[in-house]
Amino acid sequence: MERRLTLAPEISEATRLNAWLDEVFADAAVPAGVAEDLRLCLNEAVANVILYAFQPEDDPRIEVEFSGNERSAAAVVIDNGREFNPLEREARDKLTDLEHDVAGGFGVQLIRQTASALGYERVGNENRLRIVCGPSR
């Protein structure tokens, strides 16, 4: 089963994203654990795009493509923001001291640790981040 959602570049769209995910996970009979892993990854990835990918003069576009079944689920986050390959970002050490540690980079690490597989490509002016969650982890 494949589905697509277009989002506005606003953090409030997380509510709509999660309602849509509830629907597609149920329709595709995605197992609860797999669904929650993909939900976590997508919320982080989409939030990063909304917060960091666009300049004020941009005409932002964000889409999420979903495919899934009773074993696994995958999504591709597509945006036309500035080029960013999260797979090239250096892994962070664990957060140990909230008072002195520098913020940033932990969301990408969370996605890496949660997903079964990740892929990134830049196609034309689009970032395409593929996130797969399922039993292969």
C-alpha atoms as a PDB file:
ATOM      1  CA  MET A   1       0.000   0.000   0.000  1.00  0.00           C
ATOM      2  CA  GLU A   2       1.355   3.421  -0.967  1.00  0.00           C
ATOM      3  CA  ARG A   3       0.105   6.831   0.129  1.00  0.00           C
ATOM      4  CA  ARG A   4       1.327  10.440  -0.051  1.00  0.00           C
ATOM      5  CA  LEU A   5       0.805  13.495   2.165  1.00  0.00           C
ATOM      6  CA  THR A   6       1.748  17.108   1.418  1.00  0.00           C
ATOM      7  CA  LEU A   7       2.582  19.266   4.429  1.00  0.00           C
ATOM      8  CA  ALA A   8       2.897  22.996   4.979  1.00  0.00           C
ATOM      9  CA  PRO A   9       6.212  24.144   6.482  1.00  0.00           C
ATOM     10  CA  GLU A  10       4.679  24.702   9.931  1.00  0.00           C
ATOM     11  CA  ILE A  11       5.336  22.773  13.143  1.00  0.00           C
ATOM     12  CA  SER A  12       1.571  22.557  13.733  1.00  0.00           C
ATOM     13  CA  GLU A  13       1.480  20.134  10.779  1.00  0.00           C
ATOM     14  CA  ALA A  14       2.809  17.430  13.130  1.00  0.00           C
ATOM     15  CA  THR A  15      -0.783  16.922  14.286  1.00  0.00           C
ATOM     16  CA  ARG A  16      -1.949  16.275  10.726  1.00  0.00           C
ATOM     17  CA  LEU A  17       1.074  14.059  10.006  1.00  0.00           C
ATOM     18  CA  ASN A  18       0.336  11.887  13.036  1.00  0.00           C
ATOM     19  CA  ALA A  19      -3.376  11.575  12.246  1.00  0.00           C
ATOM     20  CA  TRP A  20      -2.463  10.526   8.698  1.00  0.00           C
ATOM     21  CA  LEU A  21       0.067   8.012  10.030  1.00  0.00           C
ATOM     22  CA  ASP A  22      -2.596   6.481  12.297  1.00  0.00           C
ATOM     23  CA  GLU A  23      -4.746   5.948   9.215  1.00  0.00           C
ATOM     24  CA  VAL A  24      -2.063   4.522   6.918  1.00  0.00           C
ATOM     25  CA  PHE A  25      -0.603   2.263   9.613  1.00  0.00           C
ATOM     26  CA  ALA A  26      -4.065   0.808  10.272  1.00  0.00           C
ATOM     27  CA  ASP A  27      -4.868   0.413   6.553  1.00  0.00           C
ATOM     28  CA  ALA A  28      -1.550  -1.369   5.908  1.00  0.00           C
ATOM     29  CA  ALA A  29      -1.757  -3.499   9.104  1.00  0.00           C
ATOM     30  CA  VAL A  30       1.694  -2.272  10.215  1.00  0.00           C
ATOM     31  CA  PRO A  31       2.721  -3.812  13.571  1.00  0.00           C
ATOM     32  CA  ALA A  32       2.540  -1.389  16.509  1.00  0.00           C
ATOM     33  CA  GLY A  33       6.285  -1.423  17.252  1.00  0.00           C
ATOM     34  CA  VAL A  34       7.212  -0.797  13.626  1.00  0.00           C
ATOM     35  CA  ALA A  35       4.608   1.961  13.401  1.00  0.00           C
ATOM     36  CA  GLU A  36       5.944   3.735  16.474  1.00  0.00           C
ATOM     37  CA  ASP A  37       9.525   3.520  15.232  1.00  0.00           C
ATOM     38  CA  LEU A  38       8.584   5.055  11.882  1.00  0.00           C
ATOM     39  CA  ARG A  39       6.397   7.679  13.582  1.00  0.00           C
ATOM     40  CA  LEU A  40       9.326   8.755  15.777  1.00  0.00           C
ATOM     41  CA  CYS A  41      11.681   8.980  12.801  1.00  0.00           C
ATOM     42  CA  LEU A  42       9.197  10.868  10.628  1.00  0.00           C
ATOM     43  CA  ASN A  43       8.319  13.384  13.314  1.00  0.00           C
ATOM     44  CA  GLU A  44      12.000  14.155  13.809  1.00  0.00           C
ATOM     45  CA  ALA A  45      12.817  14.282  10.090  1.00  0.00           C
ATOM     46  CA  VAL A  46       9.832  16.473   9.183  1.00  0.00           C
ATOM     47  CA  ALA A  47      10.471  18.822  12.117  1.00  0.00           C
ATOM     48  CA  ASN A  48      14.081  19.224  10.971  1.00  0.00           C
ATOM     49  CA  VAL A  49      12.937  20.075   7.452  1.00  0.00           C
ATOM     50  CA  ILE A  50      10.392  22.606   8.738  1.00  0.00           C
ATOM     51  CA  LEU A  51      12.857  24.247  11.117  1.00  0.00           C
ATOM     52  CA  TYR A  52      16.062  24.249   9.055  1.00  0.00           C
ATOM     53  CA  ALA A  53      15.591  23.530   5.348  1.00  0.00           C
ATOM     54  CA  PHE A  54      14.120  26.737   4.004  1.00  0.00           C
ATOM     55  CA  GLN A  55      15.073  30.371   3.516  1.00  0.00           C
ATOM     56  CA  PRO A  56      12.362  33.054   3.895  1.00  0.00           C
ATOM     57  CA  GLU A  57      12.271  33.632   0.123  1.00  0.00           C
ATOM     58  CA  ASP A  58      11.773  29.931  -0.686  1.00  0.00           C
ATOM     59  CA  ASP A  59       8.533  28.382  -1.935  1.00  0.00           C
ATOM     60  CA  PRO A  60       8.683  25.391   0.441  1.00  0.00           C
ATOM     61  CA  ARG A  61       7.288  21.984  -0.385  1.00  0.00           C
ATOM     62  CA  ILE A  62       7.288  18.953   1.909  1.00  0.00           C
ATOM     63  CA  GLU A  63       5.830  15.553   1.060  1.00  0.00           C
ATOM     64  CA  VAL A  64       5.822  12.208   2.803  1.00  0.00           C
ATOM     65  CA  GLU A  65       5.401   9.022   0.780  1.00  0.00           C
ATOM     66  CA  PHE A  66       4.424   5.918   2.739  1.00  0.00           C
ATOM     67  CA  SER A  67       4.498   2.222   1.924  1.00  0.00           C
ATOM     68  CA  GLY A  68       3.952  -0.594   4.369  1.00  0.00           C
ATOM     69  CA  ASN A  69       2.577  -3.996   5.163  1.00  0.00           C
ATOM     70  CA  GLU A  70       2.185  -6.409   8.078  1.00  0.00           C
ATOM     71  CA  ARG A  71       5.984  -6.729   8.476  1.00  0.00           C
ATOM     72  CA  SER A  72       7.595  -3.382   7.753  1.00  0.00           C
ATOM     73  CA  ALA A  73       6.976   0.232   6.837  1.00  0.00           C
ATOM     74  CA  ALA A  74       8.914   2.816   4.869  1.00  0.00           C
ATOM     75  CA  ALA A  75       8.581   6.490   4.156  1.00  0.00           C
ATOM     76  CA  VAL A  76      10.347   9.009   1.978  1.00  0.00           C
ATOM     77  CA  VAL A  77      10.495  12.610   3.171  1.00  0.00           C
ATOM     78  CA  ILE A  78      10.797  14.857   0.124  1.00  0.00           C
ATOM     79  CA  ASP A  79      11.526  18.566   0.380  1.00  0.00           C
ATOM     80  CA  ASN A  80      12.808  21.299  -1.860  1.00  0.00           C
ATOM     81  CA  GLY A  81      14.898  22.966   0.835  1.00  0.00           C
ATOM     82  CA  ARG A  82      18.635  23.446   0.990  1.00  0.00           C
ATOM     83  CA  GLU A  83      20.647  20.287   0.376  1.00  0.00           C
ATOM     84  CA  PHE A  84      21.249  18.261   3.531  1.00  0.00           C
ATOM     85  CA  ASN A  85      22.322  14.630   3.730  1.00  0.00           C
ATOM     86  CA  PRO A  86      21.789  13.489   7.326  1.00  0.00           C
ATOM     87  CA  LEU A  87      23.743  10.303   6.622  1.00  0.00           C
ATOM     88  CA  GLU A  88      26.903  12.372   6.214  1.00  0.00           C
ATOM     89  CA  ARG A  89      26.435  14.080   9.567  1.00  0.00           C
ATOM     90  CA  GLU A  90      28.982  12.897  12.102  1.00  0.00           C
ATOM     91  CA  ALA A  91      27.523  10.756  14.902  1.00  0.00           C
ATOM     92  CA  ARG A  92      27.207  12.543  18.239  1.00  0.00           C
ATOM     93  CA  ASP A  93      28.369  11.259  21.588  1.00  0.00           C
ATOM     94  CA  LYS A  94      25.620  10.562  24.067  1.00  0.00           C
ATOM     95  CA  LEU A  95      24.232  13.590  25.840  1.00  0.00           C
ATOM     96  CA  THR A  96      25.788  13.573  29.309  1.00  0.00           C
ATOM     97  CA  ASP A  97      25.501  17.071  30.746  1.00  0.00           C
ATOM     98  CA  LEU A  98      22.456  19.190  29.913  1.00  0.00           C
ATOM     99  CA  GLU A  99      24.108  22.312  31.285  1.00  0.00           C
ATOM    100  CA  HIS A 100      27.248  22.149  29.119  1.00  0.00           C
ATOM    101  CA  ASP A 101      26.545  19.938  26.086  1.00  0.00           C
ATOM    102  CA  VAL A 102      25.914  21.711  22.797  1.00  0.00           C
ATOM    103  CA  ALA A 103      22.443  21.140  21.396  1.00  0.00           C
ATOM    104  CA  GLY A 104      21.914  19.779  17.906  1.00  0.00           C
ATOM    105  CA  GLY A 105      22.480  16.605  15.982  1.00  0.00           C
ATOM    106  CA  PHE A 106      20.700  14.283  18.368  1.00  0.00           C
ATOM    107  CA  GLY A 107      17.597  13.981  16.197  1.00  0.00           C
ATOM    108  CA  VAL A 108      19.616  12.603  13.303  1.00  0.00           C
ATOM    109  CA  GLN A 109      21.262  10.166  15.681  1.00  0.00           C
ATOM    110  CA  LEU A 110      17.857   9.111  17.011  1.00  0.00           C
ATOM    111  CA  ILE A 111      16.695   8.386  13.466  1.00  0.00           C
ATOM    112  CA  ARG A 112      19.860   6.362  12.765  1.00  0.00           C
ATOM    113  CA  GLN A 113      19.386   4.284  15.904  1.00  0.00           C
ATOM    114  CA  THR A 114      15.673   3.689  15.366  1.00  0.00           C
ATOM    115  CA  ALA A 115      15.412   2.934  11.643  1.00  0.00           C
ATOM    116  CA  SER A 116      16.263  -0.432  10.111  1.00  0.00           C
ATOM    117  CA  ALA A 117      17.642   1.258   6.997  1.00  0.00           C
ATOM    118  CA  LEU A 118      18.195   4.789   5.748  1.00  0.00           C
ATOM    119  CA  GLY A 119      18.918   6.240   2.350  1.00  0.00           C
ATOM    120  CA  TYR A 120      19.402   9.729   1.003  1.00  0.00           C
ATOM    121  CA  GLU A 121      19.617  11.219  -2.456  1.00  0.00           C
ATOM    122  CA  ARG A 122      19.440  14.668  -3.967  1.00  0.00           C
ATOM    123  CA  VAL A 123      17.304  14.615  -7.102  1.00  0.00           C
ATOM    124  CA  GLY A 124      17.207  17.940  -8.919  1.00  0.00           C
ATOM    125  CA  ASN A 125      16.333  20.459  -6.219  1.00  0.00           C
ATOM    126  CA  GLU A 126      14.847  17.851  -3.850  1.00  0.00           C
ATOM    127  CA  ASN A 127      16.146  16.086  -0.782  1.00  0.00           C
ATOM    128  CA  ARG A 128      14.815  12.539  -0.500  1.00  0.00           C
ATOM    129  CA  LEU A 129      15.309  10.805   2.833  1.00  0.00           C
ATOM    130  CA  ARG A 130      14.115   7.181   2.869  1.00  0.00           C
ATOM    131  CA  ILE A 131      13.419   5.649   6.275  1.00  0.00           C
ATOM    132  CA  VAL A 132      12.637   1.940   6.678  1.00  0.00           C
ATOM    133  CA  CYS A 133      11.490   0.355   9.931  1.00  0.00           C
ATOM    134  CA  GLY A 134      10.866  -3.329  10.410  1.00  0.00           C
ATOM    135  CA  PRO A 135      12.113  -6.627  11.745  1.00  0.00           C
ATOM    136  CA  SER A 136      15.589  -6.476  10.177  1.00  0.00           C
ATOM    137  CA  ARG A 137      16.868  -4.235  13.002  1.00  0.00           C
END
